[in-house]
C-alpha cells in the first residue's frame, strides 16, 4: 500500500514541479512584456539552468523577495501567488513522501 501512496505522491510532486516551471516562465514573460527595462536589468531571465550563469538565480531572488511589487502589476502578483502555492504544496508533498519512506523502512 505504501508503494502506491509513494508513487502517487511522487507523481504529484513531479507534476507540481512542472507547473512551477510553467508559472515561473509565465512570470518572466509578463515581466518582459510589461516591464522590459526591469526584465533587461535582470539579465533577460527565462527558465534556464546553466552552471556559472547567475541571471536565473538573481531573477528567482527577485521573485521570492517580492521586489516586483513596486511595478504595481496585478498579473505579476497573481503569478507570484500561484508560484508560492505550488511551492508550499510541493514542500508538503515532499514531507509526506519522506514520511511514507520512513514508515516503509520501519515496517521492514
N, C-alpha and C. Protein backbone atom coordinates (compact mmCIF):
# COMPACT_ATOMS: atom_id res chain seq x y z
N UNK A 1 0.82 -1.21 0.00
CA UNK A 1 0.00 0.00 0.00
C UNK A 1 0.86 1.27 0.00
N UNK A 2 1.99 1.21 0.79
CA UNK A 2 2.87 2.38 0.85
C UNK A 2 3.46 2.69 -0.52
N UNK A 3 3.73 1.65 -1.31
CA UNK A 3 4.32 1.88 -2.64
C UNK A 3 3.36 2.65 -3.54
N UNK A 4 2.08 2.32 -3.47
CA UNK A 4 1.09 3.02 -4.28
C UNK A 4 1.00 4.48 -3.83
N UNK A 5 0.98 4.70 -2.52
CA UNK A 5 0.94 6.07 -2.00
C UNK A 5 2.19 6.84 -2.41
N UNK A 6 3.34 6.18 -2.29
CA UNK A 6 4.60 6.82 -2.66
C UNK A 6 4.58 7.23 -4.13
N UNK A 7 4.18 6.33 -4.99
CA UNK A 7 4.14 6.62 -6.43
C UNK A 7 3.17 7.77 -6.71
N UNK A 8 2.02 7.74 -6.07
CA UNK A 8 1.03 8.80 -6.26
C UNK A 8 1.55 10.16 -5.83
N UNK A 9 2.15 10.21 -4.65
CA UNK A 9 2.70 11.48 -4.17
C UNK A 9 3.91 11.92 -4.98
N UNK A 10 4.74 10.98 -5.39
CA UNK A 10 5.90 11.32 -6.22
C UNK A 10 5.45 11.90 -7.56
N UNK A 11 4.44 11.30 -8.16
CA UNK A 11 3.90 11.82 -9.42
C UNK A 11 3.32 13.22 -9.21
N UNK A 12 2.62 13.41 -8.09
CA UNK A 12 2.06 14.73 -7.79
C UNK A 12 3.17 15.77 -7.63
N UNK A 13 4.24 15.37 -6.95
CA UNK A 13 5.38 16.27 -6.75
C UNK A 13 5.99 16.67 -8.10
N UNK A 14 6.21 15.70 -8.97
CA UNK A 14 6.78 16.00 -10.29
C UNK A 14 5.85 16.88 -11.12
N UNK A 15 4.56 16.64 -11.00
CA UNK A 15 3.59 17.48 -11.70
C UNK A 15 3.65 18.92 -11.20
N UNK A 16 3.74 19.07 -9.89
CA UNK A 16 3.83 20.42 -9.32
C UNK A 16 5.12 21.12 -9.75
N UNK A 17 6.19 20.38 -9.86
CA UNK A 17 7.45 20.98 -10.31
C UNK A 17 7.31 21.47 -11.76
N UNK A 18 6.60 20.72 -12.58
CA UNK A 18 6.35 21.15 -13.96
C UNK A 18 5.49 22.42 -13.98
N UNK A 19 4.50 22.47 -13.11
CA UNK A 19 3.65 23.66 -13.02
C UNK A 19 4.49 24.85 -12.55
N UNK A 20 5.40 24.61 -11.63
CA UNK A 20 6.27 25.69 -11.14
C UNK A 20 7.12 26.26 -12.28
N UNK A 21 7.68 25.39 -13.10
CA UNK A 21 8.47 25.83 -14.26
C UNK A 21 7.59 26.69 -15.18
N UNK A 22 6.38 26.22 -15.46
CA UNK A 22 5.46 26.94 -16.34
C UNK A 22 5.13 28.32 -15.75
N UNK A 23 4.78 28.38 -14.47
CA UNK A 23 4.39 29.65 -13.85
C UNK A 23 5.56 30.63 -13.77
N UNK A 24 6.74 30.11 -13.46
CA UNK A 24 7.92 30.97 -13.39
C UNK A 24 8.23 31.55 -14.76
N UNK A 25 8.13 30.73 -15.79
CA UNK A 25 8.36 31.23 -17.14
C UNK A 25 7.29 32.25 -17.53
N UNK A 26 6.05 32.00 -17.14
CA UNK A 26 4.98 32.96 -17.43
C UNK A 26 5.25 34.29 -16.72
N UNK A 27 5.75 34.23 -15.49
CA UNK A 27 6.12 35.44 -14.77
C UNK A 27 7.17 36.22 -15.55
N UNK A 28 8.22 35.51 -16.00
CA UNK A 28 9.28 36.17 -16.76
C UNK A 28 8.75 36.76 -18.06
N UNK A 29 7.86 36.07 -18.73
CA UNK A 29 7.29 36.58 -19.99
C UNK A 29 6.46 37.84 -19.75
N UNK A 30 5.68 37.86 -18.65
CA UNK A 30 4.91 39.06 -18.32
C UNK A 30 5.85 40.21 -17.98
N UNK A 31 6.92 39.91 -17.27
CA UNK A 31 7.90 40.94 -16.95
C UNK A 31 8.51 41.51 -18.23
N UNK A 32 8.82 40.63 -19.17
CA UNK A 32 9.38 41.07 -20.46
C UNK A 32 8.37 41.92 -21.22
N UNK A 33 7.13 41.49 -21.22
CA UNK A 33 6.08 42.17 -21.99
C UNK A 33 5.74 43.55 -21.41
N UNK A 34 5.56 43.60 -20.10
CA UNK A 34 5.05 44.82 -19.49
C UNK A 34 6.13 45.71 -18.86
N UNK A 35 7.30 45.14 -18.58
CA UNK A 35 8.34 45.89 -17.87
C UNK A 35 9.71 45.53 -18.46
N UNK A 36 9.85 45.85 -19.73
CA UNK A 36 11.05 45.45 -20.49
C UNK A 36 12.35 45.93 -19.84
N UNK A 37 12.33 47.14 -19.31
CA UNK A 37 13.55 47.67 -18.69
C UNK A 37 13.98 46.82 -17.49
N UNK A 38 13.01 46.45 -16.66
CA UNK A 38 13.32 45.62 -15.50
C UNK A 38 13.79 44.24 -15.94
N UNK A 39 13.12 43.69 -16.95
CA UNK A 39 13.49 42.38 -17.48
C UNK A 39 14.94 42.41 -18.00
N UNK A 40 15.28 43.47 -18.71
CA UNK A 40 16.65 43.63 -19.21
C UNK A 40 17.65 43.78 -18.06
N UNK A 41 17.28 44.54 -17.04
CA UNK A 41 18.19 44.76 -15.92
C UNK A 41 18.45 43.47 -15.13
N UNK A 42 17.52 42.53 -15.20
CA UNK A 42 17.70 41.23 -14.54
C UNK A 42 18.46 40.23 -15.42
N UNK A 43 18.87 40.67 -16.58
CA UNK A 43 19.63 39.78 -17.48
C UNK A 43 18.75 38.99 -18.42
N UNK A 44 17.56 39.50 -18.70
CA UNK A 44 16.61 38.85 -19.60
C UNK A 44 16.32 37.41 -19.16
N UNK A 45 15.81 37.26 -17.93
CA UNK A 45 15.63 35.90 -17.39
C UNK A 45 14.57 35.10 -18.13
N UNK A 46 14.84 33.83 -18.19
CA UNK A 46 13.88 32.84 -18.66
C UNK A 46 14.23 31.56 -17.93
N UNK A 47 13.37 30.58 -18.03
CA UNK A 47 13.64 29.33 -17.30
C UNK A 47 14.83 28.65 -17.93
N UNK A 48 15.93 28.68 -17.23
CA UNK A 48 17.14 28.02 -17.70
C UNK A 48 18.03 27.78 -16.50
N UNK A 49 18.79 26.75 -16.56
CA UNK A 49 19.77 26.49 -15.52
C UNK A 49 21.07 26.14 -16.21
N UNK A 50 22.02 27.05 -16.10
CA UNK A 50 23.36 26.82 -16.64
C UNK A 50 24.34 27.06 -15.50
N UNK A 51 25.25 26.14 -15.34
CA UNK A 51 26.25 26.31 -14.30
C UNK A 51 27.07 27.55 -14.58
N UNK A 52 27.23 28.37 -13.58
CA UNK A 52 28.01 29.58 -13.72
C UNK A 52 27.19 30.78 -14.18
N UNK A 53 25.94 30.59 -14.59
CA UNK A 53 25.08 31.68 -15.03
C UNK A 53 24.21 32.11 -13.85
N UNK A 54 24.42 33.32 -13.40
CA UNK A 54 23.71 33.81 -12.21
C UNK A 54 22.40 34.53 -12.53
N UNK A 55 22.09 34.76 -13.80
CA UNK A 55 20.90 35.55 -14.13
C UNK A 55 19.63 34.87 -13.66
N UNK A 56 19.53 33.56 -13.82
CA UNK A 56 18.33 32.86 -13.38
C UNK A 56 18.19 32.93 -11.87
N UNK A 57 19.28 32.70 -11.15
CA UNK A 57 19.23 32.75 -9.69
C UNK A 57 18.86 34.13 -9.19
N UNK A 58 19.42 35.15 -9.81
CA UNK A 58 19.09 36.52 -9.41
C UNK A 58 17.62 36.84 -9.70
N UNK A 59 17.12 36.36 -10.81
CA UNK A 59 15.71 36.58 -11.14
C UNK A 59 14.80 35.87 -10.14
N UNK A 60 15.19 34.66 -9.71
CA UNK A 60 14.38 33.95 -8.71
C UNK A 60 14.40 34.68 -7.37
N UNK A 61 15.53 35.26 -7.01
CA UNK A 61 15.60 36.07 -5.78
C UNK A 61 14.68 37.27 -5.90
N UNK A 62 14.64 37.85 -7.10
CA UNK A 62 13.77 39.00 -7.36
C UNK A 62 12.31 38.62 -7.11
N UNK A 63 11.92 37.42 -7.53
CA UNK A 63 10.55 36.95 -7.32
C UNK A 63 10.32 36.68 -5.84
N UNK A 64 11.19 35.89 -5.23
CA UNK A 64 11.00 35.46 -3.84
C UNK A 64 10.98 36.63 -2.85
N UNK A 65 11.75 37.67 -3.14
CA UNK A 65 11.81 38.83 -2.24
C UNK A 65 10.72 39.85 -2.57
N UNK A 66 9.88 39.53 -3.54
CA UNK A 66 8.76 40.38 -3.96
C UNK A 66 9.21 41.79 -4.36
N UNK A 67 10.34 41.88 -5.01
CA UNK A 67 10.84 43.17 -5.45
C UNK A 67 10.01 43.75 -6.58
N UNK A 68 9.20 42.92 -7.20
CA UNK A 68 8.36 43.37 -8.31
C UNK A 68 7.15 44.18 -7.84
N UNK A 69 6.88 44.21 -6.55
CA UNK A 69 5.71 44.91 -6.01
C UNK A 69 5.69 46.37 -6.45
N UNK A 70 6.86 46.99 -6.53
CA UNK A 70 6.94 48.40 -6.93
C UNK A 70 6.43 48.63 -8.35
N UNK A 71 6.38 47.58 -9.15
CA UNK A 71 5.90 47.72 -10.53
C UNK A 71 4.39 47.85 -10.61
N UNK A 72 3.71 47.51 -9.50
CA UNK A 72 2.25 47.61 -9.41
C UNK A 72 1.57 46.89 -10.58
N UNK A 73 1.94 45.62 -10.75
CA UNK A 73 1.43 44.80 -11.85
C UNK A 73 0.63 43.64 -11.25
N UNK A 74 -0.66 43.68 -11.42
CA UNK A 74 -1.55 42.66 -10.85
C UNK A 74 -1.28 41.28 -11.44
N UNK A 75 -0.90 41.21 -12.70
CA UNK A 75 -0.62 39.92 -13.33
C UNK A 75 0.60 39.27 -12.68
N UNK A 76 1.65 40.05 -12.46
CA UNK A 76 2.83 39.52 -11.78
C UNK A 76 2.48 39.05 -10.37
N UNK A 77 1.65 39.82 -9.68
CA UNK A 77 1.25 39.44 -8.33
C UNK A 77 0.48 38.12 -8.32
N UNK A 78 -0.40 37.94 -9.29
CA UNK A 78 -1.16 36.68 -9.37
C UNK A 78 -0.24 35.50 -9.68
N UNK A 79 0.73 35.69 -10.57
CA UNK A 79 1.70 34.63 -10.83
C UNK A 79 2.50 34.31 -9.57
N UNK A 80 2.90 35.33 -8.85
CA UNK A 80 3.65 35.13 -7.61
C UNK A 80 2.85 34.28 -6.62
N UNK A 81 1.58 34.63 -6.44
CA UNK A 81 0.74 33.88 -5.51
C UNK A 81 0.61 32.41 -5.92
N UNK A 82 0.46 32.18 -7.21
CA UNK A 82 0.36 30.80 -7.70
C UNK A 82 1.68 30.06 -7.50
N UNK A 83 2.79 30.72 -7.77
CA UNK A 83 4.11 30.12 -7.57
C UNK A 83 4.28 29.72 -6.11
N UNK A 84 3.91 30.61 -5.19
CA UNK A 84 4.05 30.31 -3.77
C UNK A 84 3.16 29.14 -3.35
N UNK A 85 1.94 29.09 -3.86
CA UNK A 85 1.04 27.95 -3.53
C UNK A 85 1.64 26.64 -4.01
N UNK A 86 2.19 26.65 -5.21
CA UNK A 86 2.82 25.43 -5.75
C UNK A 86 4.02 25.05 -4.89
N UNK A 87 4.82 26.02 -4.49
CA UNK A 87 5.99 25.72 -3.66
C UNK A 87 5.59 25.13 -2.32
N UNK A 88 4.62 25.72 -1.65
CA UNK A 88 4.18 25.21 -0.35
C UNK A 88 3.56 23.82 -0.46
N UNK A 89 2.78 23.61 -1.50
CA UNK A 89 2.18 22.29 -1.71
C UNK A 89 3.26 21.26 -2.01
N UNK A 90 4.25 21.64 -2.78
CA UNK A 90 5.36 20.73 -3.11
C UNK A 90 6.13 20.34 -1.85
N UNK A 91 6.36 21.29 -0.98
CA UNK A 91 7.06 21.01 0.26
C UNK A 91 6.25 20.04 1.11
N UNK A 92 4.95 20.26 1.19
CA UNK A 92 4.09 19.37 1.97
C UNK A 92 4.13 17.95 1.39
N UNK A 93 4.07 17.83 0.09
CA UNK A 93 4.12 16.52 -0.55
C UNK A 93 5.48 15.86 -0.34
N UNK A 94 6.55 16.64 -0.40
CA UNK A 94 7.88 16.08 -0.15
C UNK A 94 7.99 15.53 1.28
N UNK A 95 7.40 16.22 2.24
CA UNK A 95 7.39 15.74 3.62
C UNK A 95 6.59 14.45 3.72
N UNK A 96 5.47 14.38 3.04
CA UNK A 96 4.65 13.16 3.04
C UNK A 96 5.44 12.01 2.42
N UNK A 97 6.12 12.27 1.32
CA UNK A 97 6.94 11.22 0.68
C UNK A 97 8.01 10.73 1.64
N UNK A 98 8.66 11.66 2.33
CA UNK A 98 9.68 11.28 3.31
C UNK A 98 9.06 10.43 4.43
N UNK A 99 7.90 10.84 4.92
CA UNK A 99 7.22 10.10 5.97
C UNK A 99 6.85 8.68 5.51
N UNK A 100 6.34 8.56 4.30
CA UNK A 100 5.99 7.24 3.77
C UNK A 100 7.24 6.36 3.65
N UNK A 101 8.33 6.95 3.21
CA UNK A 101 9.59 6.20 3.08
C UNK A 101 10.08 5.74 4.44
N UNK A 102 10.06 6.62 5.43
CA UNK A 102 10.49 6.23 6.77
C UNK A 102 9.58 5.15 7.34
N UNK A 103 8.28 5.31 7.14
CA UNK A 103 7.32 4.30 7.61
C UNK A 103 7.59 2.94 6.98
N UNK A 104 7.90 2.94 5.69
CA UNK A 104 8.20 1.70 4.99
C UNK A 104 9.48 1.06 5.54
N UNK A 105 10.47 1.87 5.84
CA UNK A 105 11.73 1.36 6.39
C UNK A 105 11.51 0.76 7.78
N UNK A 106 10.74 1.46 8.59
CA UNK A 106 10.47 1.00 9.95
C UNK A 106 9.70 -0.32 9.95
N UNK A 107 8.75 -0.43 9.05
CA UNK A 107 7.94 -1.65 8.98
C UNK A 107 8.73 -2.82 8.40
N UNK A 108 9.85 -2.51 7.80
CA UNK A 108 10.77 -3.53 7.36
C UNK A 108 10.51 -4.19 6.11
